[in-house]
Amino acid sequence: MVGRHYMCHNNAAIVALSLEKNPVLFQKTLALNDFYH
C-alpha cells in the first residue's frame, strides 16, 4: 500500500463578480464548513 491511494490537497475556486472594488490585502481570514459533510 505504500504510495497508493494518495489524495492530493484539492484546490477549487469560486469566482464572484461584484460592482464594488475589492481593496482587501490580507484576505485569508474567512472560512465556511457548511458543506463539509
PDB file of all heavy atoms in Angstrom:
ATOM      1  N   MET A   1       0.802  -1.222   0.000  1.00  0.00           N
ATOM      2  CA  MET A   1       0.000   0.000   0.000  1.00  0.00           C
ATOM      3  C   MET A   1       0.836   1.273   0.000  1.00  0.00           C
ATOM      4  O   MET A   1       0.297   2.362  -0.166  1.00  0.00           O
ATOM      5  CB  MET A   1      -0.936   0.023   1.229  1.00  0.00           C
ATOM      6  CG  MET A   1      -2.099  -0.947   1.161  1.00  0.00           C
ATOM      7  SD  MET A   1      -3.315  -0.474  -0.101  1.00  0.00           S
ATOM      8  CE  MET A   1      -2.994  -1.720  -1.346  1.00  0.00           C
ATOM      9  N   VAL A   2       2.158   1.143   0.206  1.00  0.00           N
ATOM     10  CA  VAL A   2       2.991   2.349   0.245  1.00  0.00           C
ATOM     11  C   VAL A   2       2.927   3.056  -1.104  1.00  0.00           C
ATOM     12  O   VAL A   2       3.185   2.465  -2.149  1.00  0.00           O
ATOM     13  CB  VAL A   2       4.452   2.005   0.600  1.00  0.00           C
ATOM     14  CG1 VAL A   2       5.357   3.224   0.409  1.00  0.00           C
ATOM     15  CG2 VAL A   2       4.544   1.528   2.035  1.00  0.00           C
ATOM     16  N   GLY A   3       2.562   4.317  -1.070  1.00  0.00           N
ATOM     17  CA  GLY A   3       2.471   5.101  -2.290  1.00  0.00           C
ATOM     18  C   GLY A   3       1.140   5.015  -3.004  1.00  0.00           C
ATOM     19  O   GLY A   3       0.906   5.732  -3.971  1.00  0.00           O
ATOM     20  N   ARG A   4       0.259   4.151  -2.524  1.00  0.00           N
ATOM     21  CA  ARG A   4      -1.048   4.012  -3.175  1.00  0.00           C
ATOM     22  C   ARG A   4      -2.093   4.882  -2.462  1.00  0.00           C
ATOM     23  O   ARG A   4      -1.949   5.244  -1.304  1.00  0.00           O
ATOM     24  CB  ARG A   4      -1.514   2.557  -3.170  1.00  0.00           C
ATOM     25  CG  ARG A   4      -0.582   1.601  -3.895  1.00  0.00           C
ATOM     26  CD  ARG A   4      -1.215   0.233  -4.023  1.00  0.00           C
ATOM     27  NE  ARG A   4      -0.287  -0.757  -4.552  1.00  0.00           N
ATOM     28  CZ  ARG A   4      -0.033  -0.924  -5.847  1.00  0.00           C
ATOM     29  NH1 ARG A   4      -0.636  -0.152  -6.741  1.00  0.00           N
ATOM     30  NH2 ARG A   4       0.821  -1.839  -6.252  1.00  0.00           N
ATOM     31  N   HIS A   5      -3.175   5.185  -3.161  1.00  0.00           N
ATOM     32  CA  HIS A   5      -4.333   5.881  -2.593  1.00  0.00           C
ATOM     33  C   HIS A   5      -3.976   7.258  -2.046  1.00  0.00           C
ATOM     34  O   HIS A   5      -4.581   7.744  -1.090  1.00  0.00           O
ATOM     35  CB  HIS A   5      -5.006   5.031  -1.504  1.00  0.00           C
ATOM     36  CG  HIS A   5      -5.350   3.647  -1.954  1.00  0.00           C
ATOM     37  ND1 HIS A   5      -6.196   3.409  -3.005  1.00  0.00           N
ATOM     38  CD2 HIS A   5      -4.943   2.430  -1.506  1.00  0.00           C
ATOM     39  CE1 HIS A   5      -6.308   2.110  -3.192  1.00  0.00           C
ATOM     40  NE2 HIS A   5      -5.545   1.496  -2.306  1.00  0.00           N
ATOM     41  N   TYR A   6      -2.991   7.878  -2.657  1.00  0.00           N
ATOM     42  CA  TYR A   6      -2.623   9.239  -2.244  1.00  0.00           C
ATOM     43  C   TYR A   6      -3.720  10.211  -2.650  1.00  0.00           C
ATOM     44  O   TYR A   6      -4.232  10.155  -3.766  1.00  0.00           O
ATOM     45  CB  TYR A   6      -1.302   9.633  -2.910  1.00  0.00           C
ATOM     46  CG  TYR A   6      -0.942  11.090  -2.759  1.00  0.00           C
ATOM     47  CD1 TYR A   6      -0.634  11.624  -1.513  1.00  0.00           C
ATOM     48  CD2 TYR A   6      -0.901  11.932  -3.858  1.00  0.00           C
ATOM     49  CE1 TYR A   6      -0.301  12.956  -1.366  1.00  0.00           C
ATOM     50  CE2 TYR A   6      -0.564  13.273  -3.732  1.00  0.00           C
ATOM     51  CZ  TYR A   6      -0.251  13.768  -2.478  1.00  0.00           C
ATOM     52  OH  TYR A   6       0.074  15.087  -2.339  1.00  0.00           O
ATOM     53  N   MET A   7      -4.101  11.065  -1.729  1.00  0.00           N
ATOM     54  CA  MET A   7      -5.082  12.106  -2.033  1.00  0.00           C
ATOM     55  C   MET A   7      -4.409  13.463  -1.933  1.00  0.00           C
ATOM     56  O   MET A   7      -3.899  13.837  -0.878  1.00  0.00           O
ATOM     57  CB  MET A   7      -6.270  12.062  -1.075  1.00  0.00           C
ATOM     58  CG  MET A   7      -7.384  13.025  -1.469  1.00  0.00           C
ATOM     59  SD  MET A   7      -8.737  13.065  -0.280  1.00  0.00           S
ATOM     60  CE  MET A   7      -8.013  14.038   1.028  1.00  0.00           C
ATOM     61  N   CYS A   8      -4.369  14.179  -3.027  1.00  0.00           N
ATOM     62  CA  CYS A   8      -3.719  15.479  -3.057  1.00  0.00           C
ATOM     63  C   CYS A   8      -4.572  16.533  -2.358  1.00  0.00           C
ATOM     64  O   CYS A   8      -5.779  16.351  -2.181  1.00  0.00           O
ATOM     65  CB  CYS A   8      -3.475  15.890  -4.518  1.00  0.00           C
ATOM     66  SG  CYS A   8      -2.544  17.417  -4.697  1.00  0.00           S
ATOM     67  N   HIS A   9      -3.926  17.591  -1.962  1.00  0.00           N
ATOM     68  CA  HIS A   9      -4.642  18.751  -1.417  1.00  0.00           C
ATOM     69  C   HIS A   9      -5.449  19.364  -2.553  1.00  0.00           C
ATOM     70  O   HIS A   9      -4.895  19.917  -3.505  1.00  0.00           O
ATOM     71  CB  HIS A   9      -3.625  19.754  -0.875  1.00  0.00           C
ATOM     72  CG  HIS A   9      -4.193  21.083  -0.497  1.00  0.00           C
ATOM     73  ND1 HIS A   9      -5.424  21.228   0.099  1.00  0.00           N
ATOM     74  CD2 HIS A   9      -3.691  22.332  -0.620  1.00  0.00           C
ATOM     75  CE1 HIS A   9      -5.651  22.511   0.317  1.00  0.00           C
ATOM     76  NE2 HIS A   9      -4.618  23.199  -0.121  1.00  0.00           N
ATOM     77  N   ASN A  10      -6.760  19.212  -2.480  1.00  0.00           N
ATOM     78  CA  ASN A  10      -7.622  19.664  -3.574  1.00  0.00           C
ATOM     79  C   ASN A  10      -7.866  21.166  -3.497  1.00  0.00           C
ATOM     80  O   ASN A  10      -8.191  21.700  -2.444  1.00  0.00           O
ATOM     81  CB  ASN A  10      -8.976  18.931  -3.523  1.00  0.00           C
ATOM     82  CG  ASN A  10      -8.812  17.451  -3.808  1.00  0.00           C
ATOM     83  OD1 ASN A  10      -8.117  17.085  -4.742  1.00  0.00           O
ATOM     84  ND2 ASN A  10      -9.440  16.608  -3.008  1.00  0.00           N
ATOM     85  N   ASN A  11      -7.710  21.809  -4.614  1.00  0.00           N
ATOM     86  CA  ASN A  11      -7.974  23.238  -4.698  1.00  0.00           C
ATOM     87  C   ASN A  11      -9.158  23.490  -5.616  1.00  0.00           C
ATOM     88  O   ASN A  11      -9.274  22.890  -6.682  1.00  0.00           O
ATOM     89  CB  ASN A  11      -6.757  23.985  -5.264  1.00  0.00           C
ATOM     90  CG  ASN A  11      -5.629  24.074  -4.259  1.00  0.00           C
ATOM     91  OD1 ASN A  11      -5.841  24.487  -3.133  1.00  0.00           O
ATOM     92  ND2 ASN A  11      -4.441  23.677  -4.652  1.00  0.00           N
ATOM     93  N   ALA A  12     -10.038  24.335  -5.199  1.00  0.00           N
ATOM     94  CA  ALA A  12     -11.155  24.759  -6.037  1.00  0.00           C
ATOM     95  C   ALA A  12     -11.316  26.263  -5.869  1.00  0.00           C
ATOM     96  O   ALA A  12     -10.886  26.835  -4.868  1.00  0.00           O
ATOM     97  CB  ALA A  12     -12.444  24.044  -5.643  1.00  0.00           C
ATOM     98  N   ALA A  13     -11.895  26.879  -6.845  1.00  0.00           N
ATOM     99  CA  ALA A  13     -12.051  28.332  -6.784  1.00  0.00           C
ATOM    100  C   ALA A  13     -13.499  28.712  -7.041  1.00  0.00           C
ATOM    101  O   ALA A  13     -14.176  28.108  -7.875  1.00  0.00           O
ATOM    102  CB  ALA A  13     -11.150  29.001  -7.816  1.00  0.00           C
ATOM    103  N   ILE A  14     -13.973  29.677  -6.287  1.00  0.00           N
ATOM    104  CA  ILE A  14     -15.275  30.278  -6.533  1.00  0.00           C
ATOM    105  C   ILE A  14     -15.018  31.721  -6.976  1.00  0.00           C
ATOM    106  O   ILE A  14     -14.369  32.485  -6.259  1.00  0.00           O
ATOM    107  CB  ILE A  14     -16.152  30.269  -5.266  1.00  0.00           C
ATOM    108  CG1 ILE A  14     -16.419  28.828  -4.817  1.00  0.00           C
ATOM    109  CG2 ILE A  14     -17.468  30.990  -5.529  1.00  0.00           C
ATOM    110  CD1 ILE A  14     -17.165  28.735  -3.500  1.00  0.00           C
ATOM    111  N   VAL A  15     -15.485  32.054  -8.148  1.00  0.00           N
ATOM    112  CA  VAL A  15     -15.276  33.393  -8.681  1.00  0.00           C
ATOM    113  C   VAL A  15     -16.588  34.164  -8.601  1.00  0.00           C
ATOM    114  O   VAL A  15     -17.629  33.683  -9.046  1.00  0.00           O
ATOM    115  CB  VAL A  15     -14.788  33.350 -10.142  1.00  0.00           C
ATOM    116  CG1 VAL A  15     -14.617  34.752 -10.693  1.00  0.00           C
ATOM    117  CG2 VAL A  15     -13.468  32.585 -10.232  1.00  0.00           C
ATOM    118  N   ALA A  16     -16.533  35.323  -7.996  1.00  0.00           N
ATOM    119  CA  ALA A  16     -17.727  36.161  -7.864  1.00  0.00           C
ATOM    120  C   ALA A  16     -17.455  37.524  -8.484  1.00  0.00           C
ATOM    121  O   ALA A  16     -16.365  38.083  -8.341  1.00  0.00           O
ATOM    122  CB  ALA A  16     -18.106  36.317  -6.389  1.00  0.00           C
ATOM    123  N   LEU A  17     -18.435  38.033  -9.181  1.00  0.00           N
ATOM    124  CA  LEU A  17     -18.336  39.366  -9.764  1.00  0.00           C
ATOM    125  C   LEU A  17     -19.073  40.355  -8.869  1.00  0.00           C
ATOM    126  O   LEU A  17     -20.150  40.059  -8.349  1.00  0.00           O
ATOM    127  CB  LEU A  17     -18.937  39.387 -11.164  1.00  0.00           C
ATOM    128  CG  LEU A  17     -18.287  38.446 -12.175  1.00  0.00           C
ATOM    129  CD1 LEU A  17     -19.015  38.525 -13.511  1.00  0.00           C
ATOM    130  CD2 LEU A  17     -16.816  38.774 -12.357  1.00  0.00           C
ATOM    131  N   SER A  18     -18.467  41.496  -8.683  1.00  0.00           N
ATOM    132  CA  SER A  18     -19.059  42.482  -7.802  1.00  0.00           C
ATOM    133  C   SER A  18     -18.911  43.876  -8.412  1.00  0.00           C
ATOM    134  O   SER A  18     -17.930  44.159  -9.111  1.00  0.00           O
ATOM    135  CB  SER A  18     -18.382  42.451  -6.428  1.00  0.00           C
ATOM    136  OG  SER A  18     -18.835  43.507  -5.617  1.00  0.00           O
ATOM    137  N   LEU A  19     -19.882  44.726  -8.137  1.00  0.00           N
ATOM    138  CA  LEU A  19     -19.800  46.107  -8.592  1.00  0.00           C
ATOM    139  C   LEU A  19     -18.910  46.938  -7.670  1.00  0.00           C
ATOM    140  O   LEU A  19     -18.505  48.044  -8.020  1.00  0.00           O
ATOM    141  CB  LEU A  19     -21.204  46.723  -8.647  1.00  0.00           C
ATOM    142  CG  LEU A  19     -22.160  46.079  -9.662  1.00  0.00           C
ATOM    143  CD1 LEU A  19     -23.541  46.733  -9.565  1.00  0.00           C
ATOM    144  CD2 LEU A  19     -21.612  46.206 -11.072  1.00  0.00           C
ATOM    145  N   GLU A  20     -18.627  46.372  -6.490  1.00  0.00           N
ATOM    146  CA  GLU A  20     -17.751  47.066  -5.543  1.00  0.00           C
ATOM    147  C   GLU A  20     -16.292  46.682  -5.783  1.00  0.00           C
ATOM    148  O   GLU A  20     -15.989  45.554  -6.156  1.00  0.00           O
ATOM    149  CB  GLU A  20     -18.117  46.702  -4.104  1.00  0.00           C
ATOM    150  CG  GLU A  20     -19.486  47.165  -3.663  1.00  0.00           C
ATOM    151  CD  GLU A  20     -19.718  46.795  -2.201  1.00  0.00           C
ATOM    152  OE1 GLU A  20     -18.846  47.130  -1.373  1.00  0.00           O
ATOM    153  OE2 GLU A  20     -20.748  46.179  -1.913  1.00  0.00           O
ATOM    154  N   LYS A  21     -15.399  47.619  -5.542  1.00  0.00           N
ATOM    155  CA  LYS A  21     -13.985  47.311  -5.611  1.00  0.00           C
ATOM    156  C   LYS A  21     -13.606  46.397  -4.451  1.00  0.00           C
ATOM    157  O   LYS A  21     -14.232  46.428  -3.390  1.00  0.00           O
ATOM    158  CB  LYS A  21     -13.149  48.598  -5.549  1.00  0.00           C
ATOM    159  CG  LYS A  21     -12.993  49.292  -6.887  1.00  0.00           C
ATOM    160  CD  LYS A  21     -11.945  50.389  -6.779  1.00  0.00           C
ATOM    161  CE  LYS A  21     -11.659  50.977  -8.160  1.00  0.00           C
ATOM    162  NZ  LYS A  21     -10.576  51.998  -8.093  1.00  0.00           N
ATOM    163  N   ASN A  22     -12.583  45.608  -4.678  1.00  0.00           N
ATOM    164  CA  ASN A  22     -12.097  44.745  -3.616  1.00  0.00           C
ATOM    165  C   ASN A  22     -10.722  45.247  -3.169  1.00  0.00           C
ATOM    166  O   ASN A  22      -9.696  44.893  -3.754  1.00  0.00           O
ATOM    167  CB  ASN A  22     -11.995  43.303  -4.107  1.00  0.00           C
ATOM    168  CG  ASN A  22     -11.511  42.361  -3.008  1.00  0.00           C
ATOM    169  OD1 ASN A  22     -11.427  42.743  -1.844  1.00  0.00           O
ATOM    170  ND2 ASN A  22     -11.187  41.136  -3.378  1.00  0.00           N
ATOM    171  N   PRO A  23     -10.659  46.056  -2.130  1.00  0.00           N
ATOM    172  CA  PRO A  23      -9.389  46.642  -1.696  1.00  0.00           C
ATOM    173  C   PRO A  23      -8.646  45.773  -0.678  1.00  0.00           C
ATOM    174  O   PRO A  23      -7.666  46.227  -0.080  1.00  0.00           O
ATOM    175  CB  PRO A  23      -9.836  47.954  -1.041  1.00  0.00           C
ATOM    176  CG  PRO A  23     -11.166  47.598  -0.437  1.00  0.00           C
ATOM    177  CD  PRO A  23     -11.799  46.575  -1.347  1.00  0.00           C
ATOM    178  N   VAL A  24      -9.120  44.544  -0.487  1.00  0.00           N
ATOM    179  CA  VAL A  24      -8.572  43.704   0.584  1.00  0.00           C
ATOM    180  C   VAL A  24      -7.114  43.339   0.291  1.00  0.00           C
ATOM    181  O   VAL A  24      -6.757  42.971  -0.828  1.00  0.00           O
ATOM    182  CB  VAL A  24      -9.413  42.426   0.748  1.00  0.00           C
ATOM    183  CG1 VAL A  24      -8.806  41.518   1.807  1.00  0.00           C
ATOM    184  CG2 VAL A  24     -10.839  42.781   1.121  1.00  0.00           C
ATOM    185  N   LEU A  25      -6.273  43.426   1.310  1.00  0.00           N
ATOM    186  CA  LEU A  25      -4.886  42.991   1.205  1.00  0.00           C
ATOM    187  C   LEU A  25      -4.716  41.602   1.818  1.00  0.00           C
ATOM    188  O   LEU A  25      -4.383  40.653   1.133  1.00  0.00           O
ATOM    189  CB  LEU A  25      -3.963  43.995   1.902  1.00  0.00           C
ATOM    190  CG  LEU A  25      -3.891  45.391   1.274  1.00  0.00           C
ATOM    191  CD1 LEU A  25      -2.994  46.304   2.111  1.00  0.00           C
ATOM    192  CD2 LEU A  25      -3.363  45.308  -0.150  1.00  0.00           C
ATOM    193  N   PHE A  26      -4.967  41.501   3.108  1.00  0.00           N
ATOM    194  CA  PHE A  26      -4.840  40.212   3.796  1.00  0.00           C
ATOM    195  C   PHE A  26      -6.214  39.546   3.787  1.00  0.00           C
ATOM    196  O   PHE A  26      -7.020  39.744   4.691  1.00  0.00           O
ATOM    197  CB  PHE A  26      -4.330  40.427   5.227  1.00  0.00           C
ATOM    198  CG  PHE A  26      -3.849  39.170   5.892  1.00  0.00           C
ATOM    199  CD1 PHE A  26      -2.522  38.781   5.773  1.00  0.00           C
ATOM    200  CD2 PHE A  26      -4.707  38.366   6.618  1.00  0.00           C
ATOM    201  CE1 PHE A  26      -2.071  37.612   6.388  1.00  0.00           C
ATOM    202  CE2 PHE A  26      -4.271  37.209   7.231  1.00  0.00           C
ATOM    203  CZ  PHE A  26      -2.938  36.836   7.115  1.00  0.00           C
ATOM    204  N   GLN A  27      -6.482  38.775   2.743  1.00  0.00           N
ATOM    205  CA  GLN A  27      -7.840  38.303   2.504  1.00  0.00           C
ATOM    206  C   GLN A  27      -8.151  36.969   3.171  1.00  0.00           C
ATOM    207  O   GLN A  27      -9.311  36.582   3.276  1.00  0.00           O
ATOM    208  CB  GLN A  27      -8.078  38.175   0.988  1.00  0.00           C
ATOM    209  CG  GLN A  27      -7.663  36.872   0.333  1.00  0.00           C
ATOM    210  CD  GLN A  27      -6.166  36.671   0.230  1.00  0.00           C
ATOM    211  OE1 GLN A  27      -5.402  37.563   0.546  1.00  0.00           O
ATOM    212  NE2 GLN A  27      -5.745  35.511  -0.204  1.00  0.00           N
ATOM    213  N   LYS A  28      -7.130  36.244   3.629  1.00  0.00           N
ATOM    214  CA  LYS A  28      -7.367  34.867   4.069  1.00  0.00           C
ATOM    215  C   LYS A  28      -7.743  34.809   5.540  1.00  0.00           C
ATOM    216  O   LYS A  28      -6.984  34.349   6.398  1.00  0.00           O
ATOM    217  CB  LYS A  28      -6.128  34.018   3.804  1.00  0.00           C
ATOM    218  CG  LYS A  28      -6.416  32.540   3.740  1.00  0.00           C
ATOM    219  CD  LYS A  28      -5.274  31.771   3.119  1.00  0.00           C
ATOM    220  CE  LYS A  28      -5.632  30.300   3.021  1.00  0.00           C
ATOM    221  NZ  LYS A  28      -4.566  29.515   2.365  1.00  0.00           N
ATOM    222  N   THR A  29      -8.968  35.276   5.841  1.00  0.00           N
ATOM    223  CA  THR A  29      -9.419  35.292   7.234  1.00  0.00           C
ATOM    224  C   THR A  29     -10.785  34.636   7.422  1.00  0.00           C
ATOM    225  O   THR A  29     -11.209  34.413   8.550  1.00  0.00           O
ATOM    226  CB  THR A  29      -9.516  36.745   7.753  1.00  0.00           C
ATOM    227  OG1 THR A  29     -10.428  37.484   6.930  1.00  0.00           O
ATOM    228  CG2 THR A  29      -8.158  37.423   7.721  1.00  0.00           C
ATOM    229  N   LEU A  30     -11.474  34.324   6.350  1.00  0.00           N
ATOM    230  CA  LEU A  30     -12.844  33.805   6.430  1.00  0.00           C
ATOM    231  C   LEU A  30     -12.883  32.353   5.984  1.00  0.00           C
ATOM    232  O   LEU A  30     -12.232  31.965   5.014  1.00  0.00           O
ATOM    233  CB  LEU A  30     -13.767  34.655   5.547  1.00  0.00           C
ATOM    234  CG  LEU A  30     -15.268  34.334   5.541  1.00  0.00           C
ATOM    235  CD1 LEU A  30     -16.057  35.613   5.245  1.00  0.00           C
ATOM    236  CD2 LEU A  30     -15.622  33.283   4.487  1.00  0.00           C
ATOM    237  N   ALA A  31     -13.670  31.536   6.688  1.00  0.00           N
ATOM    238  CA  ALA A  31     -13.832  30.125   6.325  1.00  0.00           C
ATOM    239  C   ALA A  31     -15.289  29.724   6.460  1.00  0.00           C
ATOM    240  O   ALA A  31     -16.076  30.363   7.172  1.00  0.00           O
ATOM    241  CB  ALA A  31     -12.955  29.251   7.217  1.00  0.00           C
ATOM    242  N   LEU A  32     -15.654  28.652   5.764  1.00  0.00           N
ATOM    243  CA  LEU A  32     -17.029  28.145   5.789  1.00  0.00           C
ATOM    244  C   LEU A  32     -16.983  26.631   5.631  1.00  0.00           C
ATOM    245  O   LEU A  32     -16.422  26.127   4.662  1.00  0.00           O
ATOM    246  CB  LEU A  32     -17.842  28.763   4.647  1.00  0.00           C
ATOM    247  CG  LEU A  32     -19.333  28.449   4.623  1.00  0.00           C
ATOM    248  CD1 LEU A  32     -20.052  29.229   5.715  1.00  0.00           C
ATOM    249  CD2 LEU A  32     -19.920  28.786   3.252  1.00  0.00           C
ATOM    250  N   ASN A  33     -17.546  25.919   6.590  1.00  0.00           N
ATOM    251  CA  ASN A  33     -17.565  24.455   6.534  1.00  0.00           C
ATOM    252  C   ASN A  33     -18.995  23.910   6.433  1.00  0.00           C
ATOM    253  O   ASN A  33     -19.232  22.742   6.735  1.00  0.00           O
ATOM    254  CB  ASN A  33     -16.890  23.864   7.777  1.00  0.00           C
ATOM    255  CG  ASN A  33     -15.396  23.689   7.576  1.00  0.00           C
ATOM    256  OD1 ASN A  33     -14.902  23.641   6.453  1.00  0.00           O
ATOM    257  ND2 ASN A  33     -14.662  23.592   8.673  1.00  0.00           N
ATOM    258  N   ASP A  34     -19.919  24.740   6.000  1.00  0.00           N
ATOM    259  CA  ASP A  34     -21.313  24.296   5.931  1.00  0.00           C
ATOM    260  C   ASP A  34     -21.497  23.102   4.999  1.00  0.00           C
ATOM    261  O   ASP A  34     -22.478  22.357   5.114  1.00  0.00           O
ATOM    262  CB  ASP A  34     -22.209  25.444   5.455  1.00  0.00           C
ATOM    263  CG  ASP A  34     -22.375  26.523   6.512  1.00  0.00           C
ATOM    264  OD1 ASP A  34     -21.608  26.507   7.486  1.00  0.00           O
ATOM    265  OD2 ASP A  34     -23.260  27.378   6.358  1.00  0.00           O
ATOM    266  N   PHE A  35     -20.578  22.923   4.065  1.00  0.00           N
ATOM    267  CA  PHE A  35     -20.703  21.837   3.099  1.00  0.00           C
ATOM    268  C   PHE A  35     -19.629  20.772   3.308  1.00  0.00           C
ATOM    269  O   PHE A  35     -19.339  19.990   2.409  1.00  0.00           O
ATOM    270  CB  PHE A  35     -20.616  22.416   1.673  1.00  0.00           C
ATOM    271  CG  PHE A  35     -21.547  23.581   1.471  1.00  0.00           C
ATOM    272  CD1 PHE A  35     -21.066  24.882   1.475  1.00  0.00           C
ATOM    273  CD2 PHE A  35     -22.909  23.380   1.317  1.00  0.00           C
ATOM    274  CE1 PHE A  35     -21.919  25.953   1.312  1.00  0.00           C
ATOM    275  CE2 PHE A  35     -23.771  24.455   1.158  1.00  0.00           C
ATOM    276  CZ  PHE A  35     -23.282  25.743   1.151  1.00  0.00           C
ATOM    277  N   TYR A  36     -19.081  20.751   4.519  1.00  0.00           N
ATOM    278  CA  TYR A  36     -18.030  19.777   4.831  1.00  0.00           C
ATOM    279  C   TYR A  36     -18.584  18.361   4.762  1.00  0.00           C
ATOM    280  O   TYR A  36     -17.938  17.433   4.302  1.00  0.00           O
ATOM    281  CB  TYR A  36     -17.490  20.063   6.228  1.00  0.00           C
ATOM    282  CG  TYR A  36     -16.158  19.388   6.544  1.00  0.00           C
ATOM    283  CD1 TYR A  36     -14.956  20.007   6.218  1.00  0.00           C
ATOM    284  CD2 TYR A  36     -16.110  18.161   7.166  1.00  0.00           C
ATOM    285  CE1 TYR A  36     -13.749  19.406   6.512  1.00  0.00           C
ATOM    286  CE2 TYR A  36     -14.910  17.549   7.463  1.00  0.00           C
ATOM    287  CZ  TYR A  36     -13.723  18.174   7.133  1.00  0.00           C
ATOM    288  OH  TYR A  36     -12.519  17.564   7.423  1.00  0.00           O
ATOM    289  N   HIS A  37     -19.798  18.195   5.260  1.00  0.00           N
ATOM    290  CA  HIS A  37     -20.485  16.899   5.193  1.00  0.00           C
ATOM    291  C   HIS A  37     -21.720  17.048   4.312  1.00  0.00           C
ATOM    292  O   HIS A  37     -22.116  18.143   3.913  1.00  0.00           O
ATOM    293  CB  HIS A  37     -20.913  16.439   6.586  1.00  0.00           C
ATOM    294  CG  HIS A  37     -19.780  16.388   7.566  1.00  0.00           C
ATOM    295  ND1 HIS A  37     -18.604  15.723   7.315  1.00  0.00           N
ATOM    296  CD2 HIS A  37     -19.639  16.927   8.812  1.00  0.00           C
ATOM    297  CE1 HIS A  37     -17.794  15.841   8.355  1.00  0.00           C
ATOM    298  NE2 HIS A  37     -18.398  16.579   9.273  1.00  0.00           N
TER     299      HIS A  37
END
